[in-house]
Amino acid sequence: MKKTIIAVLVILATVFMVSAVAENRISLDEAKKAALEYAGVTAENATFLKAYLDRDDGRIVYDIEFFDANTKYEMDVDATTGSINEFEKEVFQRDFAVQKLTNDEAMQVALADAGFSAENVRIKKSKMDEDDGRMIYEIEFVADGMEYEYDIDVQTCTIIEKNVEKAD
């Protein structure tokens, strides 16, 4: 009986501590705003590639990546303080702001090529990334026991690379 009471108290204490930590976090929108301010980029000129809550060296951070025109920014924003922990900036020759393809459109290109609809696949990855100086969408999904991987150029809307193999 004592062990059960102690276990319940430990669980309640853990839940209380997790709740307290979560209440002290800044929001994702606040983290994005802090990242933009740090980089000196306006929200109108930024396209976010990823922004999500993560853990880095025991800290809770927002992993944020975005670009404007020809510069890509990557940073970790402390989820408690809003301060920037890590910052990387990469300038490219190409102007990425002239993007013709959205993430959803890239997904539709890959699905159409594979002959599936979104309802019939399990999406593993769908994100924009830089590859050899050009922006691409990396699309990965599983359907009918096969794994499909696509790289699609955001400017030309064409499939650059495609790989299909048996899913693990």
N, C-alpha and C. Protein backbone atom coordinates (compact mmCIF):
# COMPACT_ATOMS: atom_id res chain seq x y z
N MET A 1 0.82 -1.19 0.00
CA MET A 1 0.00 0.00 0.00
C MET A 1 0.87 1.26 0.00
N LYS A 2 1.96 1.23 0.83
CA LYS A 2 2.86 2.36 0.89
C LYS A 2 3.51 2.64 -0.48
N LYS A 3 3.91 1.56 -1.16
CA LYS A 3 4.54 1.70 -2.47
C LYS A 3 3.58 2.32 -3.47
N THR A 4 2.32 1.94 -3.40
CA THR A 4 1.31 2.49 -4.31
C THR A 4 1.12 3.98 -4.05
N ILE A 5 1.06 4.38 -2.80
CA ILE A 5 0.89 5.79 -2.45
C ILE A 5 2.10 6.59 -2.91
N ILE A 6 3.29 6.04 -2.68
CA ILE A 6 4.52 6.72 -3.11
C ILE A 6 4.55 6.85 -4.63
N ALA A 7 4.17 5.80 -5.34
CA ALA A 7 4.15 5.85 -6.80
C ALA A 7 3.17 6.91 -7.30
N VAL A 8 2.00 6.98 -6.68
CA VAL A 8 1.00 7.99 -7.08
C VAL A 8 1.54 9.39 -6.81
N LEU A 9 2.19 9.60 -5.67
CA LEU A 9 2.76 10.90 -5.34
C LEU A 9 3.86 11.30 -6.33
N VAL A 10 4.69 10.34 -6.70
CA VAL A 10 5.75 10.61 -7.68
C VAL A 10 5.13 11.00 -9.02
N ILE A 11 4.11 10.29 -9.44
CA ILE A 11 3.44 10.60 -10.71
C ILE A 11 2.82 11.98 -10.65
N LEU A 12 2.12 12.31 -9.57
CA LEU A 12 1.50 13.62 -9.43
C LEU A 12 2.54 14.73 -9.42
N ALA A 13 3.65 14.50 -8.73
CA ALA A 13 4.72 15.50 -8.69
C ALA A 13 5.30 15.72 -10.08
N THR A 14 5.50 14.64 -10.82
CA THR A 14 6.03 14.74 -12.18
C THR A 14 5.08 15.51 -13.08
N VAL A 15 3.80 15.19 -13.01
CA VAL A 15 2.80 15.89 -13.82
C VAL A 15 2.78 17.36 -13.46
N PHE A 16 2.84 17.68 -12.17
CA PHE A 16 2.86 19.07 -11.73
C PHE A 16 4.08 19.80 -12.27
N MET A 17 5.25 19.17 -12.19
CA MET A 17 6.48 19.80 -12.68
C MET A 17 6.44 20.01 -14.18
N VAL A 18 5.95 19.02 -14.93
CA VAL A 18 5.85 19.15 -16.39
C VAL A 18 4.89 20.27 -16.74
N SER A 19 3.77 20.35 -16.03
CA SER A 19 2.80 21.42 -16.28
C SER A 19 3.39 22.78 -15.98
N ALA A 20 4.13 22.87 -14.89
CA ALA A 20 4.75 24.15 -14.52
C ALA A 20 5.74 24.59 -15.58
N VAL A 21 6.56 23.64 -16.06
CA VAL A 21 7.53 23.97 -17.11
C VAL A 21 6.82 24.40 -18.38
N ALA A 22 5.76 23.69 -18.76
CA ALA A 22 5.02 24.01 -19.99
C ALA A 22 4.40 25.39 -19.90
N GLU A 23 3.93 25.79 -18.71
CA GLU A 23 3.31 27.10 -18.55
C GLU A 23 4.32 28.22 -18.70
N ASN A 24 5.60 27.96 -18.42
CA ASN A 24 6.63 28.98 -18.51
C ASN A 24 7.25 29.09 -19.89
N ARG A 25 6.80 28.28 -20.83
CA ARG A 25 7.35 28.32 -22.18
C ARG A 25 6.76 29.47 -22.98
N ILE A 26 7.59 29.99 -23.87
CA ILE A 26 7.07 30.94 -24.84
C ILE A 26 6.36 30.14 -25.93
N SER A 27 5.49 30.78 -26.66
CA SER A 27 4.76 30.09 -27.72
C SER A 27 5.64 29.96 -28.97
N LEU A 28 5.21 29.12 -29.89
CA LEU A 28 5.93 28.96 -31.15
C LEU A 28 5.96 30.29 -31.90
N ASP A 29 4.84 31.02 -31.89
CA ASP A 29 4.80 32.32 -32.58
C ASP A 29 5.79 33.31 -31.96
N GLU A 30 5.92 33.27 -30.63
CA GLU A 30 6.88 34.15 -29.96
C GLU A 30 8.31 33.75 -30.32
N ALA A 31 8.56 32.45 -30.44
CA ALA A 31 9.89 31.97 -30.83
C ALA A 31 10.22 32.40 -32.25
N LYS A 32 9.25 32.29 -33.16
CA LYS A 32 9.47 32.73 -34.54
C LYS A 32 9.77 34.23 -34.58
N LYS A 33 9.01 35.00 -33.79
CA LYS A 33 9.23 36.45 -33.75
C LYS A 33 10.63 36.77 -33.25
N ALA A 34 11.07 36.07 -32.20
CA ALA A 34 12.42 36.28 -31.67
C ALA A 34 13.47 35.94 -32.71
N ALA A 35 13.26 34.85 -33.45
CA ALA A 35 14.21 34.44 -34.49
C ALA A 35 14.29 35.48 -35.60
N LEU A 36 13.14 35.97 -36.03
CA LEU A 36 13.11 36.98 -37.10
C LEU A 36 13.82 38.26 -36.65
N GLU A 37 13.53 38.69 -35.41
CA GLU A 37 14.17 39.90 -34.89
C GLU A 37 15.68 39.73 -34.82
N TYR A 38 16.13 38.59 -34.34
CA TYR A 38 17.57 38.32 -34.22
C TYR A 38 18.24 38.37 -35.59
N ALA A 39 17.57 37.82 -36.60
CA ALA A 39 18.13 37.77 -37.96
C ALA A 39 17.94 39.09 -38.69
N GLY A 40 17.07 39.96 -38.18
CA GLY A 40 16.81 41.23 -38.86
C GLY A 40 15.96 41.06 -40.10
N VAL A 41 15.04 40.10 -40.06
CA VAL A 41 14.18 39.78 -41.20
C VAL A 41 12.73 40.06 -40.82
N THR A 42 11.97 40.63 -41.72
CA THR A 42 10.55 40.88 -41.45
C THR A 42 9.74 39.62 -41.73
N ALA A 43 8.62 39.48 -41.07
CA ALA A 43 7.76 38.31 -41.25
C ALA A 43 7.28 38.21 -42.70
N GLU A 44 7.05 39.33 -43.34
CA GLU A 44 6.57 39.33 -44.73
C GLU A 44 7.60 38.76 -45.70
N ASN A 45 8.88 38.87 -45.36
CA ASN A 45 9.94 38.40 -46.25
C ASN A 45 10.46 37.01 -45.90
N ALA A 46 9.90 36.39 -44.86
CA ALA A 46 10.41 35.09 -44.40
C ALA A 46 9.50 33.95 -44.82
N THR A 47 10.13 32.85 -45.20
CA THR A 47 9.42 31.60 -45.45
C THR A 47 10.02 30.56 -44.53
N PHE A 48 9.19 30.05 -43.61
CA PHE A 48 9.68 29.09 -42.63
C PHE A 48 9.76 27.69 -43.25
N LEU A 49 10.91 27.06 -43.06
CA LEU A 49 11.11 25.69 -43.51
C LEU A 49 10.73 24.71 -42.42
N LYS A 50 11.05 25.06 -41.17
CA LYS A 50 10.65 24.23 -40.04
C LYS A 50 10.65 25.10 -38.79
N ALA A 51 9.79 24.72 -37.86
CA ALA A 51 9.70 25.40 -36.57
C ALA A 51 8.97 24.45 -35.64
N TYR A 52 9.71 23.88 -34.70
CA TYR A 52 9.09 22.92 -33.79
C TYR A 52 9.85 22.87 -32.47
N LEU A 53 9.16 22.38 -31.43
CA LEU A 53 9.74 22.24 -30.12
C LEU A 53 10.66 21.03 -30.10
N ASP A 54 11.85 21.19 -29.50
CA ASP A 54 12.85 20.13 -29.51
C ASP A 54 13.62 20.19 -28.19
N ARG A 55 14.48 19.23 -28.00
CA ARG A 55 15.37 19.20 -26.83
C ARG A 55 16.79 19.20 -27.36
N ASP A 56 17.64 20.08 -26.79
CA ASP A 56 19.03 20.19 -27.21
C ASP A 56 19.91 20.36 -25.98
N ASP A 57 20.80 19.41 -25.75
CA ASP A 57 21.70 19.44 -24.59
C ASP A 57 20.93 19.65 -23.29
N GLY A 58 19.80 18.97 -23.15
CA GLY A 58 19.02 19.04 -21.92
C GLY A 58 18.11 20.25 -21.80
N ARG A 59 18.14 21.13 -22.79
CA ARG A 59 17.27 22.32 -22.77
C ARG A 59 16.11 22.12 -23.73
N ILE A 60 14.99 22.74 -23.43
CA ILE A 60 13.86 22.74 -24.34
C ILE A 60 14.03 23.97 -25.24
N VAL A 61 14.07 23.75 -26.55
CA VAL A 61 14.28 24.83 -27.51
C VAL A 61 13.29 24.69 -28.66
N TYR A 62 13.11 25.78 -29.39
CA TYR A 62 12.41 25.73 -30.66
C TYR A 62 13.48 25.68 -31.74
N ASP A 63 13.42 24.65 -32.58
CA ASP A 63 14.33 24.50 -33.71
C ASP A 63 13.67 25.24 -34.87
N ILE A 64 14.29 26.32 -35.32
CA ILE A 64 13.67 27.19 -36.33
C ILE A 64 14.60 27.34 -37.51
N GLU A 65 14.02 27.22 -38.70
CA GLU A 65 14.77 27.38 -39.95
C GLU A 65 13.87 28.14 -40.92
N PHE A 66 14.42 29.18 -41.55
CA PHE A 66 13.65 29.96 -42.53
C PHE A 66 14.60 30.61 -43.52
N PHE A 67 14.03 31.17 -44.59
CA PHE A 67 14.86 31.89 -45.54
C PHE A 67 14.15 33.16 -45.98
N ASP A 68 14.94 34.09 -46.50
CA ASP A 68 14.42 35.27 -47.17
C ASP A 68 15.35 35.54 -48.35
N ALA A 69 14.78 35.83 -49.47
CA ALA A 69 15.56 36.07 -50.69
C ALA A 69 16.63 35.01 -50.88
N ASN A 70 17.90 35.33 -50.62
CA ASN A 70 18.98 34.37 -50.88
C ASN A 70 19.72 33.94 -49.62
N THR A 71 19.09 34.09 -48.45
CA THR A 71 19.75 33.73 -47.20
C THR A 71 18.89 32.76 -46.41
N LYS A 72 19.54 31.71 -45.91
CA LYS A 72 18.87 30.71 -45.08
C LYS A 72 19.37 30.86 -43.65
N TYR A 73 18.45 30.87 -42.69
CA TYR A 73 18.77 31.02 -41.28
C TYR A 73 18.35 29.78 -40.51
N GLU A 74 19.21 29.31 -39.60
CA GLU A 74 18.88 28.20 -38.72
C GLU A 74 19.25 28.63 -37.32
N MET A 75 18.33 28.38 -36.35
CA MET A 75 18.64 28.75 -34.98
C MET A 75 17.82 27.96 -33.98
N ASP A 76 18.34 27.91 -32.77
CA ASP A 76 17.62 27.35 -31.63
C ASP A 76 17.22 28.51 -30.74
N VAL A 77 15.93 28.58 -30.42
CA VAL A 77 15.41 29.62 -29.54
C VAL A 77 15.05 28.95 -28.21
N ASP A 78 15.61 29.42 -27.12
CA ASP A 78 15.31 28.86 -25.81
C ASP A 78 13.81 29.00 -25.54
N ALA A 79 13.15 27.88 -25.22
CA ALA A 79 11.69 27.87 -25.06
C ALA A 79 11.24 28.57 -23.79
N THR A 80 12.15 28.81 -22.87
CA THR A 80 11.78 29.48 -21.62
C THR A 80 12.06 30.98 -21.70
N THR A 81 13.23 31.34 -22.20
CA THR A 81 13.65 32.75 -22.18
C THR A 81 13.43 33.48 -23.50
N GLY A 82 13.38 32.74 -24.60
CA GLY A 82 13.28 33.37 -25.91
C GLY A 82 14.61 33.81 -26.47
N SER A 83 15.70 33.50 -25.77
CA SER A 83 17.02 33.89 -26.26
C SER A 83 17.49 32.91 -27.34
N ILE A 84 18.38 33.39 -28.18
CA ILE A 84 18.91 32.58 -29.28
C ILE A 84 20.13 31.83 -28.76
N ASN A 85 20.06 30.48 -28.80
CA ASN A 85 21.17 29.66 -28.32
C ASN A 85 22.19 29.36 -29.41
N GLU A 86 21.70 29.05 -30.59
CA GLU A 86 22.57 28.74 -31.73
C GLU A 86 22.06 29.50 -32.93
N PHE A 87 22.98 29.93 -33.80
CA PHE A 87 22.58 30.72 -34.97
C PHE A 87 23.51 30.38 -36.13
N GLU A 88 22.91 30.06 -37.27
CA GLU A 88 23.67 29.85 -38.51
C GLU A 88 23.00 30.63 -39.62
N LYS A 89 23.81 31.20 -40.47
CA LYS A 89 23.31 31.98 -41.59
C LYS A 89 24.09 31.56 -42.83
N GLU A 90 23.39 31.25 -43.90
CA GLU A 90 24.04 30.80 -45.13
C GLU A 90 23.48 31.60 -46.30
N VAL A 91 24.36 32.27 -47.03
CA VAL A 91 23.96 33.09 -48.17
C VAL A 91 24.22 32.29 -49.45
N PHE A 92 23.24 32.31 -50.35
CA PHE A 92 23.33 31.57 -51.61
C PHE A 92 23.30 32.54 -52.79
N GLN A 93 23.72 32.06 -53.94
CA GLN A 93 23.71 32.87 -55.15
C GLN A 93 22.29 33.07 -55.69
N ARG A 94 21.45 32.11 -55.44
CA ARG A 94 20.11 32.10 -56.01
C ARG A 94 19.11 32.83 -55.11
N ASP A 95 18.14 33.50 -55.70
CA ASP A 95 17.09 34.19 -54.96
C ASP A 95 15.96 33.21 -54.68
N PHE A 96 15.83 32.77 -53.43
CA PHE A 96 14.83 31.77 -53.07
C PHE A 96 13.44 32.35 -52.95
N ALA A 97 13.33 33.67 -52.94
CA ALA A 97 12.02 34.29 -52.78
C ALA A 97 11.14 34.07 -54.02
N VAL A 98 11.74 33.68 -55.13
CA VAL A 98 10.99 33.46 -56.36
C VAL A 98 10.53 32.01 -56.40
N GLN A 99 9.86 31.60 -55.39
CA GLN A 99 9.41 30.22 -55.24
C GLN A 99 8.10 30.03 -56.00
N LYS A 100 8.03 28.99 -56.81
CA LYS A 100 6.84 28.72 -57.59
C LYS A 100 5.98 27.62 -56.99
N LEU A 101 6.51 26.85 -56.08
CA LEU A 101 5.84 25.65 -55.61
C LEU A 101 5.71 25.68 -54.08
N THR A 102 4.51 25.39 -53.59
CA THR A 102 4.31 25.30 -52.15
C THR A 102 4.54 23.86 -51.71
N ASN A 103 4.61 23.65 -50.41
CA ASN A 103 4.79 22.31 -49.86
C ASN A 103 3.64 21.40 -50.29
N ASP A 104 2.42 21.88 -50.18
CA ASP A 104 1.26 21.07 -50.57
C ASP A 104 1.29 20.72 -52.07
N GLU A 105 1.69 21.67 -52.89
CA GLU A 105 1.78 21.39 -54.33
C GLU A 105 2.88 20.37 -54.64
N ALA A 106 4.00 20.46 -53.92
CA ALA A 106 5.08 19.48 -54.11
C ALA A 106 4.59 18.09 -53.73
N MET A 107 3.84 18.01 -52.64
CA MET A 107 3.28 16.72 -52.22
C MET A 107 2.36 16.17 -53.30
N GLN A 108 1.56 17.02 -53.89
CA GLN A 108 0.64 16.57 -54.95
C GLN A 108 1.39 16.08 -56.19
N VAL A 109 2.52 16.73 -56.52
CA VAL A 109 3.34 16.28 -57.65
C VAL A 109 3.85 14.86 -57.39
N ALA A 110 4.36 14.63 -56.18
CA ALA A 110 4.90 13.31 -55.83
C ALA A 110 3.79 12.26 -55.80
N LEU A 111 2.67 12.59 -55.18
CA LEU A 111 1.55 11.63 -55.11
C LEU A 111 1.02 11.28 -56.49
N ALA A 112 0.90 12.28 -57.36
CA ALA A 112 0.41 12.03 -58.72
C ALA A 112 1.38 11.12 -59.47
N ASP A 113 2.67 11.37 -59.31
CA ASP A 113 3.67 10.53 -59.98
C ASP A 113 3.59 9.08 -59.50
N ALA A 114 3.36 8.90 -58.19
CA ALA A 114 3.30 7.56 -57.63
C ALA A 114 1.92 6.91 -57.82
N GLY A 115 0.91 7.71 -58.17
CA GLY A 115 -0.42 7.17 -58.41
C GLY A 115 -1.24 6.98 -57.15
N PHE A 116 -1.03 7.83 -56.13
CA PHE A 116 -1.77 7.73 -54.88
C PHE A 116 -2.43 9.05 -54.54
N SER A 117 -3.43 8.99 -53.67
CA SER A 117 -4.00 10.20 -53.09
C SER A 117 -3.49 10.32 -51.66
N ALA A 118 -3.60 11.50 -51.08
CA ALA A 118 -3.07 11.75 -49.74
C ALA A 118 -3.71 10.83 -48.70
N GLU A 119 -4.94 10.45 -48.91
CA GLU A 119 -5.65 9.59 -47.95
C GLU A 119 -5.08 8.17 -47.92
N ASN A 120 -4.37 7.77 -48.96
CA ASN A 120 -3.88 6.40 -49.07
C ASN A 120 -2.41 6.22 -48.74
N VAL A 121 -1.79 7.27 -48.16
CA VAL A 121 -0.37 7.19 -47.84
C VAL A 121 -0.13 7.63 -46.39
N ARG A 122 1.02 7.22 -45.86
CA ARG A 122 1.49 7.71 -44.56
C ARG A 122 2.70 8.58 -44.85
N ILE A 123 2.56 9.87 -44.61
CA ILE A 123 3.63 10.81 -44.91
C ILE A 123 4.69 10.75 -43.82
N LYS A 124 5.94 10.59 -44.24
CA LYS A 124 7.07 10.54 -43.31
C LYS A 124 7.80 11.88 -43.24
N LYS A 125 7.93 12.54 -44.38
CA LYS A 125 8.65 13.81 -44.42
C LYS A 125 8.11 14.65 -45.57
N SER A 126 8.00 15.93 -45.32
CA SER A 126 7.63 16.88 -46.35
C SER A 126 8.19 18.22 -45.92
N LYS A 127 9.37 18.55 -46.46
CA LYS A 127 10.01 19.80 -46.04
C LYS A 127 10.85 20.38 -47.17
N MET A 128 11.05 21.68 -47.09
CA MET A 128 11.91 22.36 -48.05
C MET A 128 13.33 22.32 -47.51
N ASP A 129 14.28 22.16 -48.41
CA ASP A 129 15.68 22.11 -48.02
C ASP A 129 16.52 22.63 -49.18
N GLU A 130 17.77 22.92 -48.91
CA GLU A 130 18.71 23.37 -49.94
C GLU A 130 19.55 22.17 -50.35
N ASP A 131 19.75 22.00 -51.65
CA ASP A 131 20.56 20.91 -52.16
C ASP A 131 21.38 21.42 -53.34
N ASP A 132 22.69 21.45 -53.16
CA ASP A 132 23.61 21.91 -54.20
C ASP A 132 23.23 23.28 -54.75
N GLY A 133 22.88 24.21 -53.85
CA GLY A 133 22.61 25.58 -54.26
C GLY A 133 21.21 25.84 -54.76
N ARG A 134 20.33 24.85 -54.70
CA ARG A 134 18.95 25.11 -55.12
C ARG A 134 17.99 24.58 -54.06
N MET A 135 16.84 25.22 -53.99
CA MET A 135 15.84 24.81 -53.01
C MET A 135 14.99 23.69 -53.60
N ILE A 136 14.77 22.67 -52.76
CA ILE A 136 13.96 21.52 -53.17
C ILE A 136 12.99 21.18 -52.05
N TYR A 137 11.98 20.44 -52.39
CA TYR A 137 11.13 19.80 -51.38
C TYR A 137 11.55 18.34 -51.30
N GLU A 138 11.79 17.89 -50.08
CA GLU A 138 12.06 16.48 -49.83
C GLU A 138 10.74 15.87 -49.35
N ILE A 139 10.22 14.94 -50.12
CA ILE A 139 8.93 14.31 -49.83
C ILE A 139 9.19 12.81 -49.63
N GLU A 140 8.72 12.27 -48.51
CA GLU A 140 8.81 10.83 -48.26
C GLU A 140 7.47 10.35 -47.73
N PHE A 141 7.00 9.23 -48.29
CA PHE A 141 5.77 8.62 -47.80
C PHE A 141 5.80 7.13 -48.04
N VAL A 142 4.91 6.41 -47.34
CA VAL A 142 4.79 4.97 -47.45
C VAL A 142 3.39 4.64 -47.94
N ALA A 143 3.30 3.71 -48.90
CA ALA A 143 2.01 3.26 -49.42
C ALA A 143 2.18 1.86 -49.99
N ASP A 144 1.21 1.01 -49.73
CA ASP A 144 1.20 -0.36 -50.25
C ASP A 144 2.52 -1.10 -50.00
N GLY A 145 3.11 -0.91 -48.82
CA GLY A 145 4.33 -1.63 -48.45
C GLY A 145 5.59 -1.10 -49.10
N MET A 146 5.50 0.02 -49.79
CA MET A 146 6.66 0.62 -50.45
C MET A 146 6.91 2.01 -49.86
N GLU A 147 8.21 2.40 -49.84
CA GLU A 147 8.57 3.74 -49.39
C GLU A 147 8.98 4.57 -50.61
N TYR A 148 8.39 5.74 -50.73
CA TYR A 148 8.64 6.64 -51.86
C TYR A 148 9.39 7.87 -51.35
N GLU A 149 10.46 8.23 -52.06
CA GLU A 149 11.23 9.42 -51.72
C GLU A 149 11.37 10.28 -52.98
N TYR A 150 11.05 11.56 -52.84
CA TYR A 150 11.14 12.49 -53.97
C TYR A 150 11.90 13.73 -53.58
N ASP A 151 12.68 14.28 -54.51
CA ASP A 151 13.24 15.62 -54.43
C ASP A 151 12.62 16.39 -55.58
N ILE A 152 11.96 17.50 -55.25
CA ILE A 152 11.23 18.28 -56.26
C ILE A 152 11.73 19.72 -56.21
N ASP A 153 12.15 20.24 -57.36
CA ASP A 153 12.67 21.60 -57.47
C ASP A 153 11.54 22.61 -57.25
N VAL A 154 11.75 23.58 -56.32
CA VAL A 154 10.70 24.55 -56.02
C VAL A 154 10.52 25.58 -57.13
N GLN A 155 11.52 25.77 -57.96
CA GLN A 155 11.44 26.76 -59.02
C GLN A 155 10.80 26.19 -60.29
N THR A 156 11.23 25.00 -60.67
CA THR A 156 10.76 24.42 -61.94
C THR A 156 9.59 23.47 -61.77
N CYS A 157 9.28 23.12 -60.52
CA CYS A 157 8.17 22.19 -60.21
C CYS A 157 8.40 20.80 -60.80
N THR A 158 9.65 20.42 -61.00
CA THR A 158 9.94 19.12 -61.60
C THR A 158 10.57 18.18 -60.57
N ILE A 159 10.40 16.89 -60.83
CA ILE A 159 11.00 15.87 -59.98
C ILE A 159 12.48 15.75 -60.37
N ILE A 160 13.37 15.98 -59.41
CA ILE A 160 14.80 15.91 -59.65
C ILE A 160 15.29 14.49 -59.41
N GLU A 161 14.76 13.89 -58.34
CA GLU A 161 15.19 12.55 -57.98
C GLU A 161 14.01 11.81 -57.36
N LYS A 162 13.97 10.51 -57.63
CA LYS A 162 12.89 9.67 -57.12
C LYS A 162 13.48 8.32 -56.75
N ASN A 163 13.05 7.79 -55.61
CA ASN A 163 13.52 6.48 -55.17
C ASN A 163 12.33 5.73 -54.57
N VAL A 164 12.15 4.49 -55.00
CA VAL A 164 11.08 3.65 -54.47
C VAL A 164 11.71 2.33 -54.03
N GLU A 165 11.43 1.94 -52.78
CA GLU A 165 11.95 0.68 -52.28
C GLU A 165 10.97 0.10 -51.27
N LYS A 166 11.16 -1.18 -51.01
CA LYS A 166 10.30 -1.87 -50.05
C LYS A 166 10.44 -1.22 -48.68
N ALA A 167 9.31 -0.92 -48.04
CA ALA A 167 9.31 -0.29 -46.72
C ALA A 167 9.78 -1.28 -45.67
N ASP A 168 10.48 -0.77 -44.67
CA ASP A 168 10.95 -1.62 -43.56
C ASP A 168 9.82 -1.94 -42.63
